[in-house]
Amino acid sequence: MNNVDVAGTYGSIERQQLFEMMKIGELDTLVVGFVDIQGRLMGKRLTADYCLENELVDGSKFCTYLLGTDLDLNTIEGYSYMSWETGYGDWTAEPDWTTLRVLPWLEKTALVFADVVDEERNDVSISPRSILKKQIERANDKGLFPKMVSELEFYLFNESFESAFKKEYRDLQVAGQFNEDYSLLQGSKNEPFYRHVRNMMTKAGVPIESSKGEAHIGQHEINVKYSDALTSADRHILLKHGMKEMAIQQDYALTFMAKPHHDWTGSSGHIHLSVSDESGATNYFYDKNEANGMSETMQHFLAGILAYTKDFSLFYAPYVNSYKRFVPDSWAPTNIVWSRDNRSSGYRIVGEGKAMRIENRIPGADFNPYLAYSAMLGAGLKGLEQKLPLSKEHVGNAYLSEEVSQIPGTLYEAIDCWKNSTIVQEVLGEDVAMHYLHTAIVEQEQHNKYVSELEIKRNFEQC
């Protein structure tokens, strides 16, 4: 290994370096992870002996059902790719070795992200990572290279996941006593944990820029460095997964639910987007010759995103709970309008000059980044191809906007928008569109069968 000192190595490493570290005992476990349709990291932990004997030439096998389950990993009828009729066969998690890294919060453990491929080694179309790669390729074919990043908010609790489960997630002890939005003092109460997350993630190759208190008790936000779209989606997944692992280790619980309690501020998952040349030096969203600095490319791109927000809303808000955020005056948007530096709008234009970008404020922290990124890119590229004109900027309180398109208020409405859209099938392909439509329908049907505490409280005696 060219006499490279591997002791204490963290973050990105080369494939050969992995095997060298395994030979001398620096590493004994490799996590091969792929992302399911809910945006969770799934896969296997491989031993060093196995890796050294096989060098993962064929990747790691897994059952096809893992890309067709609900949140509880139940097998669901109605998917064309996985069923008892198809025999629930295998797909392969094929490592993307450019993502290989050592994880500092797990002993002697490395992780590599994997693409899901079939027997012919072709990307499986319904895999979230495959969906995003397809949209990136569409952009690249036009000479555009997307730069993206997620901002994630979450709630922290002074009890373990096991404790929360035993309490059926009721009356949980939130980690704080006061609204901690930008409050350094309130943030200090949990700073040991947040500092640990920032440092561990940065060591693991997920460079953290900052963390801050958010707009409710126990709510916090963490921000990652801007990068290319695929890298940022991978970082998003590892951030959420790693934070939960670190919470387990320290007897905390945390949640990225969009709306964990009706009295609490929802947790957002804002997405930032720009497109550049291949080198990343030129931001194609900026044009100094335009009065507003927004290039023609950016105007058409934003117009497409606005025009097709409803069509793709299942990728921005995938659960029944996701739509509980969309309440006026709640810091979550309700109307599909754009503005400069206006937090009441669905889309906010931020940054100056070469830093100019679109901030999508619609998703909650529960979104799958590969899917939401794909929705933004697919809609924006359609706007560019169709040369859609950009609507006028909204000025003032966007919650009070009239005669503008609204964000779907329920999963029912989002399902109808998706089902009746020709653009969704055109951008994603019919198989992908039908797969994720079925996922949303199953999510809604499961909620329809459930009797909530509110229903019992209001109806038990009064009906």
Protein backbone atom coordinates (compact mmCIF):
# COMPACT_ATOMS: atom_id res chain seq x y z
CA MET A 1 0.00 0.00 0.00
CA ASN A 2 2.92 2.31 -0.70
CA ASN A 3 3.77 2.46 2.99
CA VAL A 4 0.66 4.56 3.77
CA ASP A 5 0.03 4.73 7.51
CA VAL A 6 -3.53 3.50 8.01
CA ALA A 7 -3.67 3.91 11.79
CA GLY A 8 -6.50 6.26 12.77
CA THR A 9 -7.71 6.58 9.17
CA TYR A 10 -11.25 7.95 8.79
CA GLY A 11 -13.33 9.22 5.91
CA SER A 12 -12.82 8.32 2.26
CA ILE A 13 -10.39 5.53 1.40
CA GLU A 14 -9.53 3.57 -1.75
CA ARG A 15 -10.72 0.00 -2.34
CA GLN A 16 -7.22 -1.45 -2.10
CA GLN A 17 -6.65 0.47 1.11
CA LEU A 18 -9.74 -1.25 2.55
CA PHE A 19 -8.23 -4.66 1.96
CA GLU A 20 -4.84 -3.62 3.35
CA MET A 21 -6.51 -2.29 6.51
CA MET A 22 -8.41 -5.55 6.86
CA LYS A 23 -5.22 -7.60 6.49
CA ILE A 24 -3.54 -5.85 9.43
CA GLY A 25 -6.70 -5.75 11.59
CA GLU A 26 -7.44 -2.04 11.31
CA LEU A 27 -10.87 -2.95 9.93
CA ASP A 28 -12.96 -6.06 10.51
CA THR A 29 -16.37 -5.06 9.12
CA LEU A 30 -17.64 -3.61 5.85
CA VAL A 31 -21.21 -2.30 5.64
CA VAL A 32 -22.60 -2.59 2.10
CA GLY A 33 -25.64 -0.32 2.07
CA PHE A 34 -28.31 0.49 -0.48
CA VAL A 35 -31.26 2.83 0.02
CA ASP A 36 -34.85 1.57 0.08
CA ILE A 37 -37.89 3.43 -1.23
CA GLN A 38 -38.43 5.10 2.16
CA GLY A 39 -34.89 6.48 2.16
CA ARG A 40 -33.41 4.09 4.73
CA LEU A 41 -30.00 2.44 4.55
CA MET A 42 -30.39 -1.33 4.14
CA GLY A 43 -27.82 -4.05 3.48
CA LYS A 44 -25.32 -6.38 5.14
CA ARG A 45 -22.29 -6.29 7.39
CA LEU A 46 -19.50 -8.32 5.78
CA THR A 47 -16.56 -9.75 7.70
CA ALA A 48 -12.97 -8.97 6.79
CA ASP A 49 -12.29 -12.64 6.01
CA TYR A 50 -15.15 -12.76 3.53
CA CYS A 51 -14.06 -9.52 1.85
CA LEU A 52 -10.46 -10.66 1.52
CA GLU A 53 -11.50 -14.00 0.03
CA ASN A 54 -14.00 -12.57 -2.46
CA GLU A 55 -13.05 -8.91 -2.99
CA LEU A 56 -16.79 -8.34 -3.61
CA VAL A 57 -16.49 -9.01 -7.32
CA ASP A 58 -20.22 -9.71 -7.61
CA GLY A 59 -21.47 -7.41 -4.91
CA SER A 60 -23.88 -8.47 -2.17
CA LYS A 61 -27.20 -10.23 -2.84
CA PHE A 62 -30.50 -9.24 -1.26
CA CYS A 63 -34.19 -10.07 -1.72
CA THR A 64 -36.13 -7.91 -4.19
CA TYR A 65 -38.90 -7.30 -1.65
CA LEU A 66 -36.76 -4.69 0.10
CA LEU A 67 -37.68 -2.17 -2.62
CA GLY A 68 -41.38 -2.89 -2.17
CA THR A 69 -42.26 -2.69 1.52
CA ASP A 70 -44.00 -0.30 3.86
CA LEU A 71 -42.25 1.42 6.77
CA ASP A 72 -42.64 -1.70 8.90
CA LEU A 73 -40.93 -3.88 6.25
CA ASN A 74 -44.16 -5.73 5.50
CA THR A 75 -44.34 -7.34 2.07
CA ILE A 76 -47.04 -5.56 0.09
CA GLU A 77 -49.21 -7.03 -2.65
CA GLY A 78 -49.59 -5.15 -5.92
CA TYR A 79 -45.98 -4.46 -6.93
CA SER A 80 -45.02 -5.74 -10.37
CA TYR A 81 -41.31 -6.18 -9.57
CA MET A 82 -41.71 -8.23 -6.41
CA SER A 83 -44.43 -10.73 -5.51
CA TRP A 84 -44.96 -14.42 -4.79
CA GLU A 85 -45.61 -14.79 -8.52
CA THR A 86 -42.10 -13.55 -9.29
CA GLY A 87 -40.70 -15.71 -6.49
CA TYR A 88 -39.13 -12.82 -4.54
CA GLY A 89 -35.75 -13.40 -6.12
CA ASP A 90 -32.47 -11.56 -5.67
CA TRP A 91 -30.98 -8.31 -6.82
CA THR A 92 -27.40 -7.27 -6.20
CA ALA A 93 -26.06 -4.37 -4.15
CA GLU A 94 -23.08 -3.43 -6.32
CA PRO A 95 -20.62 -1.24 -4.40
CA ASP A 96 -19.88 2.23 -5.71
CA TRP A 97 -16.27 2.27 -4.55
CA THR A 98 -16.04 6.06 -4.85
CA THR A 99 -18.24 6.22 -1.73
CA LEU A 100 -16.06 3.95 0.45
CA ARG A 101 -15.26 5.43 3.87
CA VAL A 102 -14.30 4.49 7.41
CA LEU A 103 -16.93 5.29 10.06
CA PRO A 104 -15.39 6.76 13.23
CA TRP A 105 -18.41 6.09 15.46
CA LEU A 106 -18.38 2.31 14.78
CA GLU A 107 -15.40 0.21 15.80
CA LYS A 108 -13.22 -1.03 12.90
CA THR A 109 -16.04 -0.47 10.41
CA ALA A 110 -16.13 0.89 6.87
CA LEU A 111 -19.17 1.60 4.69
CA VAL A 112 -19.76 1.69 0.96
CA PHE A 113 -22.93 2.79 -0.82
CA ALA A 114 -24.25 0.37 -3.42
CA ASP A 115 -26.29 0.60 -6.58
CA VAL A 116 -29.05 -1.94 -7.08
CA VAL A 117 -28.47 -4.00 -10.24
CA ASP A 118 -30.14 -7.00 -11.88
CA GLU A 119 -28.64 -10.22 -13.25
CA GLU A 120 -27.30 -8.37 -16.31
CA ARG A 121 -25.66 -5.77 -14.05
CA ASN A 122 -28.08 -3.07 -15.20
CA ASP A 123 -29.39 -0.51 -12.72
CA VAL A 124 -32.82 -1.49 -11.39
CA SER A 125 -35.04 1.39 -12.50
CA ILE A 126 -37.13 1.68 -9.32
CA SER A 127 -34.10 1.98 -7.04
CA PRO A 128 -33.93 5.52 -5.60
CA ARG A 129 -30.24 5.92 -6.44
CA SER A 130 -30.89 4.75 -10.02
CA ILE A 131 -33.72 7.26 -10.38
CA LEU A 132 -31.46 10.15 -9.37
CA LYS A 133 -28.59 8.97 -11.58
CA LYS A 134 -30.97 9.02 -14.55
CA GLN A 135 -31.95 12.66 -13.92
CA ILE A 136 -28.31 13.65 -13.42
CA GLU A 137 -27.48 12.03 -16.77
CA ARG A 138 -30.30 14.00 -18.41
CA ALA A 139 -28.82 17.20 -17.02
CA ASN A 140 -25.26 16.22 -18.00
CA ASP A 141 -26.41 15.59 -21.58
CA LYS A 142 -27.34 19.29 -21.69
CA GLY A 143 -23.96 20.30 -20.26
CA LEU A 144 -25.46 20.95 -16.83
CA PHE A 145 -24.01 19.54 -13.61
CA PRO A 146 -26.38 19.84 -10.63
CA LYS A 147 -25.13 21.03 -7.27
CA MET A 148 -27.47 20.26 -4.37
CA VAL A 149 -27.66 19.91 -0.60
CA SER A 150 -30.25 19.20 2.10
CA GLU A 151 -30.90 21.12 5.31
CA LEU A 152 -32.33 18.75 7.91
CA GLU A 153 -34.27 19.59 11.06
CA PHE A 154 -35.05 17.07 13.80
CA TYR A 155 -36.18 16.67 17.40
CA LEU A 156 -33.93 15.27 20.14
CA PHE A 157 -35.28 13.46 23.22
CA ASN A 158 -33.71 12.73 26.60
CA GLU A 159 -34.59 9.07 26.43
CA SER A 160 -33.65 6.08 24.35
CA PHE A 161 -35.45 4.67 21.31
CA GLU A 162 -36.39 1.67 23.48
CA SER A 163 -37.92 3.93 26.13
CA ALA A 164 -39.86 5.86 23.48
CA PHE A 165 -41.15 2.59 22.01
CA LYS A 166 -42.32 1.30 25.40
CA LYS A 167 -44.19 4.58 25.95
CA GLU A 168 -45.77 4.20 22.48
CA TYR A 169 -44.08 7.50 21.63
CA ARG A 170 -46.35 9.45 23.99
CA ASP A 171 -45.28 12.01 26.59
CA LEU A 172 -41.65 11.89 25.53
CA GLN A 173 -39.06 14.02 27.33
CA VAL A 174 -37.94 16.57 24.75
CA ALA A 175 -34.28 17.58 25.11
CA GLY A 176 -34.86 21.17 26.20
CA GLN A 177 -37.19 23.57 27.98
CA PHE A 178 -37.38 26.59 25.65
CA ASN A 179 -37.62 27.50 21.99
CA GLU A 180 -33.97 27.31 20.95
CA ASP A 181 -34.04 28.98 17.52
CA TYR A 182 -30.47 30.30 17.09
CA SER A 183 -30.10 30.33 20.89
CA LEU A 184 -26.53 29.46 21.76
CA LEU A 185 -27.42 29.07 25.43
CA GLN A 186 -30.25 26.58 24.86
CA GLY A 187 -28.20 24.75 22.26
CA SER A 188 -25.44 24.31 24.82
CA LYS A 189 -27.61 21.94 26.82
CA ASN A 190 -27.17 19.27 24.16
CA GLU A 191 -23.92 20.53 22.64
CA PRO A 192 -21.91 17.44 23.70
CA PHE A 193 -24.11 15.30 21.47
CA TYR A 194 -24.27 17.82 18.60
CA ARG A 195 -20.51 18.38 18.71
CA HIS A 196 -19.99 14.63 18.58
CA VAL A 197 -22.26 14.40 15.51
CA ARG A 198 -20.51 17.29 13.73
CA ASN A 199 -17.04 15.86 14.35
CA MET A 200 -17.87 12.24 13.59
CA MET A 201 -19.70 13.13 10.38
CA THR A 202 -16.90 15.35 9.15
CA LYS A 203 -14.38 12.58 9.84
CA ALA A 204 -16.60 10.17 7.90
CA GLY A 205 -16.52 12.38 4.82
CA VAL A 206 -19.81 14.19 5.43
CA PRO A 207 -18.48 17.72 5.92
CA ILE A 208 -20.70 19.61 8.35
CA GLU A 209 -20.84 23.39 8.07
CA SER A 210 -22.96 24.18 11.12
CA SER A 211 -25.71 23.17 13.50
CA LYS A 212 -28.19 25.44 15.23
CA GLY A 213 -31.25 25.50 17.41
CA GLU A 214 -34.56 25.53 15.58
CA ALA A 215 -37.98 27.03 16.20
CA HIS A 216 -39.25 24.75 18.97
CA ILE A 217 -38.20 23.05 22.17
CA GLY A 218 -35.68 20.30 21.45
CA GLN A 219 -35.61 21.04 17.72
CA HIS A 220 -32.28 21.44 15.94
CA GLU A 221 -30.93 21.81 12.40
CA ILE A 222 -27.72 20.54 10.83
CA ASN A 223 -26.20 21.73 7.55
CA VAL A 224 -23.85 19.87 5.21
CA LYS A 225 -21.48 21.32 2.62
CA TYR A 226 -22.83 21.84 -0.91
CA SER A 227 -21.74 19.24 -3.49
CA ASP A 228 -22.81 17.38 -6.63
CA ALA A 229 -26.32 15.93 -6.47
CA LEU A 230 -25.44 12.24 -6.02
CA THR A 231 -22.80 12.92 -3.36
CA SER A 232 -25.21 15.15 -1.44
CA ALA A 233 -27.96 12.51 -1.54
CA ASP A 234 -25.53 9.91 -0.19
CA ARG A 235 -24.40 12.32 2.54
CA HIS A 236 -28.03 13.03 3.47
CA ILE A 237 -28.68 9.31 3.99
CA LEU A 238 -25.50 8.73 5.98
CA LEU A 239 -26.17 11.78 8.14
CA LYS A 240 -29.60 10.54 9.21
CA HIS A 241 -28.45 6.95 9.63
CA GLY A 242 -25.29 7.89 11.52
CA MET A 243 -27.09 10.33 13.81
CA LYS A 244 -29.52 7.59 14.82
CA GLU A 245 -26.63 5.19 15.48
CA MET A 246 -24.90 7.80 17.64
CA ALA A 247 -28.17 8.47 19.48
CA ILE A 248 -28.49 4.74 20.19
CA GLN A 249 -24.95 4.71 21.58
CA GLN A 250 -25.71 7.61 23.95
CA ASP A 251 -29.27 6.67 24.99
CA TYR A 252 -30.95 9.47 23.09
CA ALA A 253 -33.82 9.26 20.65
CA LEU A 254 -34.36 11.60 17.73
CA THR A 255 -36.87 11.87 14.92
CA PHE A 256 -36.95 13.33 11.44
CA MET A 257 -40.74 13.11 11.23
CA ALA A 258 -42.26 16.05 9.39
CA LYS A 259 -44.72 16.74 12.21
CA PRO A 260 -44.08 14.70 15.37
CA HIS A 261 -46.74 16.53 17.41
CA HIS A 262 -49.64 18.76 16.39
CA ASP A 263 -48.53 21.52 18.78
CA TRP A 264 -44.91 21.51 17.60
CA THR A 265 -43.22 23.27 14.71
CA GLY A 266 -42.75 20.86 11.80
CA SER A 267 -39.28 19.67 10.81
CA SER A 268 -38.24 20.85 7.37
CA GLY A 269 -35.85 19.36 4.85
CA HIS A 270 -35.04 22.26 2.55
CA ILE A 271 -33.22 21.50 -0.71
CA HIS A 272 -30.77 23.90 -2.36
CA LEU A 273 -30.09 23.60 -6.10
CA SER A 274 -27.97 25.22 -8.78
CA VAL A 275 -26.37 23.92 -11.97
CA SER A 276 -22.81 24.50 -13.14
CA ASP A 277 -20.32 23.53 -15.80
CA GLU A 278 -18.43 20.26 -15.33
CA SER A 279 -15.62 21.92 -13.42
CA GLY A 280 -18.05 23.58 -11.03
CA ALA A 281 -16.47 26.98 -11.66
CA THR A 282 -19.42 28.53 -13.52
CA ASN A 283 -22.90 28.76 -12.02
CA TYR A 284 -25.33 28.63 -14.95
CA PHE A 285 -28.10 30.06 -12.76
CA TYR A 286 -26.32 33.42 -12.58
CA ASP A 287 -26.05 36.01 -15.35
CA LYS A 288 -24.56 39.38 -14.45
CA ASN A 289 -26.18 40.90 -17.53
CA GLU A 290 -29.69 40.16 -16.27
CA ALA A 291 -31.27 42.83 -14.09
CA ASN A 292 -32.15 40.33 -11.37
CA GLY A 293 -29.04 38.22 -11.88
CA MET A 294 -31.15 35.18 -12.75
CA SER A 295 -30.00 33.63 -16.02
CA GLU A 296 -32.41 32.49 -18.70
CA THR A 297 -31.48 28.92 -17.77
CA MET A 298 -32.45 29.54 -14.16
CA GLN A 299 -35.73 31.21 -15.11
CA HIS A 300 -36.85 28.28 -17.29
CA PHE A 301 -35.60 25.78 -14.70
CA LEU A 302 -37.49 27.47 -11.87
CA ALA A 303 -40.59 27.79 -14.05
CA GLY A 304 -40.55 24.04 -14.61
CA ILE A 305 -40.15 23.31 -10.91
CA LEU A 306 -43.09 25.61 -10.12
CA ALA A 307 -45.27 24.22 -12.92
CA TYR A 308 -44.80 20.60 -11.86
CA THR A 309 -44.63 20.86 -8.07
CA LYS A 310 -48.05 19.29 -7.67
CA ASP A 311 -47.21 16.50 -10.10
CA PHE A 312 -44.15 15.47 -8.09
CA SER A 313 -45.44 16.23 -4.59
CA LEU A 314 -45.33 12.53 -3.59
CA PHE A 315 -41.55 12.77 -3.79
CA TYR A 316 -41.50 15.91 -1.61
CA ALA A 317 -44.06 14.72 0.94
CA PRO A 318 -44.34 10.91 0.91
CA TYR A 319 -46.42 10.19 4.03
CA VAL A 320 -49.79 11.14 5.50
CA ASN A 321 -47.89 12.90 8.29
CA SER A 322 -45.88 14.93 5.77
CA TYR A 323 -48.90 17.07 4.94
CA LYS A 324 -49.49 18.09 8.57
CA ARG A 325 -46.65 20.64 8.15
CA PHE A 326 -48.44 22.70 5.52
CA VAL A 327 -50.17 25.17 7.82
CA PRO A 328 -50.26 28.98 7.38
CA ASP A 329 -47.81 30.98 9.50
CA SER A 330 -45.95 27.81 10.48
CA TRP A 331 -42.62 28.35 8.65
CA ALA A 332 -43.73 25.64 6.20
CA PRO A 333 -45.12 26.95 2.89
CA THR A 334 -48.65 26.48 1.60
CA ASN A 335 -48.47 28.17 -1.81
CA ILE A 336 -46.39 27.39 -4.89
CA VAL A 337 -44.78 30.78 -5.49
CA TRP A 338 -41.22 32.06 -5.62
CA SER A 339 -39.63 35.02 -3.92
CA ARG A 340 -36.23 36.39 -3.03
CA ASP A 341 -35.24 35.70 0.55
CA ASN A 342 -38.85 35.22 1.69
CA ARG A 343 -39.49 32.34 4.06
CA SER A 344 -43.24 32.33 3.47
CA SER A 345 -42.82 31.20 -0.16
CA GLY A 346 -42.55 27.63 -1.39
CA TYR A 347 -39.39 28.52 -3.32
CA ARG A 348 -36.86 31.07 -2.12
CA ILE A 349 -34.06 32.49 -4.28
CA VAL A 350 -30.97 32.89 -2.12
CA GLY A 351 -27.32 33.72 -2.61
CA GLU A 352 -25.66 36.41 -4.66
CA GLY A 353 -23.66 36.15 -7.86
CA LYS A 354 -22.06 32.75 -8.34
CA ALA A 355 -23.76 31.51 -5.15
CA MET A 356 -27.27 32.10 -6.56
CA ARG A 357 -29.51 29.06 -6.10
CA ILE A 358 -33.07 27.82 -5.60
CA GLU A 359 -34.17 26.79 -2.11
CA ASN A 360 -37.09 24.38 -2.13
CA ARG A 361 -38.87 24.85 1.22
CA ILE A 362 -41.63 22.31 0.57
CA PRO A 363 -40.11 18.98 1.76
CA GLY A 364 -40.12 17.94 5.39
CA ALA A 365 -37.21 16.14 6.99
CA ASP A 366 -38.87 12.81 6.16
CA PHE A 367 -38.17 12.92 2.42
CA ASN A 368 -36.01 10.48 0.46
CA PRO A 369 -33.27 12.70 -1.06
CA TYR A 370 -32.77 10.62 -4.21
CA LEU A 371 -36.46 10.96 -5.04
CA ALA A 372 -36.95 14.62 -4.08
CA TYR A 373 -33.75 15.63 -5.88
CA SER A 374 -34.99 13.73 -8.93
CA ALA A 375 -38.31 15.57 -8.81
CA MET A 376 -36.61 18.98 -8.76
CA LEU A 377 -34.19 18.07 -11.53
CA GLY A 378 -36.80 16.34 -13.69
CA ALA A 379 -39.27 19.23 -13.40
CA GLY A 380 -36.56 21.87 -13.92
CA LEU A 381 -35.21 20.15 -17.03
CA LYS A 382 -38.75 19.97 -18.42
CA GLY A 383 -39.11 23.71 -17.88
CA LEU A 384 -35.83 24.22 -19.71
CA GLU A 385 -36.83 21.98 -22.62
CA GLN A 386 -40.24 23.63 -22.91
CA LYS A 387 -38.79 27.13 -22.37
CA LEU A 388 -41.49 27.84 -19.80
CA PRO A 389 -41.78 31.51 -18.84
CA LEU A 390 -41.17 32.36 -15.20
CA SER A 391 -44.08 33.89 -13.28
CA LYS A 392 -43.65 37.18 -11.48
CA GLU A 393 -41.93 37.17 -8.13
CA HIS A 394 -44.30 37.11 -5.18
CA VAL A 395 -43.75 40.06 -2.86
CA GLY A 396 -45.08 40.05 0.69
CA ASN A 397 -46.75 37.38 2.79
CA ALA A 398 -47.10 34.32 0.57
CA TYR A 399 -49.53 32.71 3.01
CA LEU A 400 -52.04 35.37 1.93
CA SER A 401 -51.57 34.77 -1.79
CA GLU A 402 -54.78 34.33 -3.74
CA GLU A 403 -55.33 32.79 -7.14
CA VAL A 404 -52.07 30.85 -6.98
CA SER A 405 -51.48 27.13 -7.00
CA GLN A 406 -51.40 25.55 -3.55
CA ILE A 407 -49.27 22.70 -2.29
CA PRO A 408 -51.45 19.58 -1.97
CA GLY A 409 -52.97 19.55 1.51
CA THR A 410 -53.29 15.78 1.84
CA LEU A 411 -51.71 12.61 0.55
CA TYR A 412 -55.03 11.91 -1.21
CA GLU A 413 -54.63 15.07 -3.27
CA ALA A 414 -50.98 14.34 -4.01
CA ILE A 415 -51.91 10.84 -5.22
CA ASP A 416 -54.45 12.33 -7.63
CA CYS A 417 -51.93 14.85 -8.94
CA TRP A 418 -49.39 12.08 -9.54
CA LYS A 419 -51.93 9.71 -11.10
CA ASN A 420 -53.25 12.32 -13.53
CA SER A 421 -49.83 13.67 -14.54
CA THR A 422 -48.32 12.92 -17.93
CA ILE A 423 -45.09 14.64 -16.89
CA VAL A 424 -44.35 12.18 -14.07
CA GLN A 425 -44.41 9.20 -16.42
CA GLU A 426 -42.54 11.10 -19.08
CA VAL A 427 -39.73 12.07 -16.70
CA LEU A 428 -39.48 8.93 -14.56
CA GLY A 429 -40.81 6.20 -16.83
CA GLU A 430 -44.05 4.29 -16.41
CA ASP A 431 -42.60 1.54 -14.21
CA VAL A 432 -41.15 4.00 -11.69
CA ALA A 433 -44.30 6.14 -11.71
CA MET A 434 -46.56 3.14 -11.04
CA HIS A 435 -44.26 1.69 -8.36
CA TYR A 436 -44.26 4.85 -6.26
CA LEU A 437 -47.94 5.51 -6.88
CA HIS A 438 -48.68 2.11 -5.36
CA THR A 439 -46.41 2.95 -2.41
CA ALA A 440 -48.40 6.11 -1.71
CA ILE A 441 -51.74 4.34 -2.06
CA VAL A 442 -50.63 1.69 0.45
CA GLU A 443 -49.52 4.43 2.87
CA GLN A 444 -52.92 6.11 2.64
CA GLU A 445 -54.88 2.85 2.96
CA GLN A 446 -52.98 1.88 6.11
CA HIS A 447 -53.92 5.19 7.73
CA ASN A 448 -57.56 4.84 6.63
CA LYS A 449 -57.88 1.68 8.77
CA TYR A 450 -56.51 3.32 11.91
CA VAL A 451 -58.76 4.89 14.57
CA SER A 452 -56.92 7.85 16.08
CA GLU A 453 -57.01 9.06 19.67
CA LEU A 454 -58.57 12.32 18.47
CA GLU A 455 -61.50 10.46 16.90
CA ILE A 456 -62.16 8.55 20.11
CA LYS A 457 -61.83 11.67 22.25
CA ARG A 458 -64.30 13.67 20.13
CA ASN A 459 -66.77 10.99 19.10
CA PHE A 460 -66.98 8.43 21.95
CA GLU A 461 -69.65 10.25 23.93
CA GLN A 462 -70.78 13.04 21.65
CA CYS A 463 -71.98 11.01 18.65
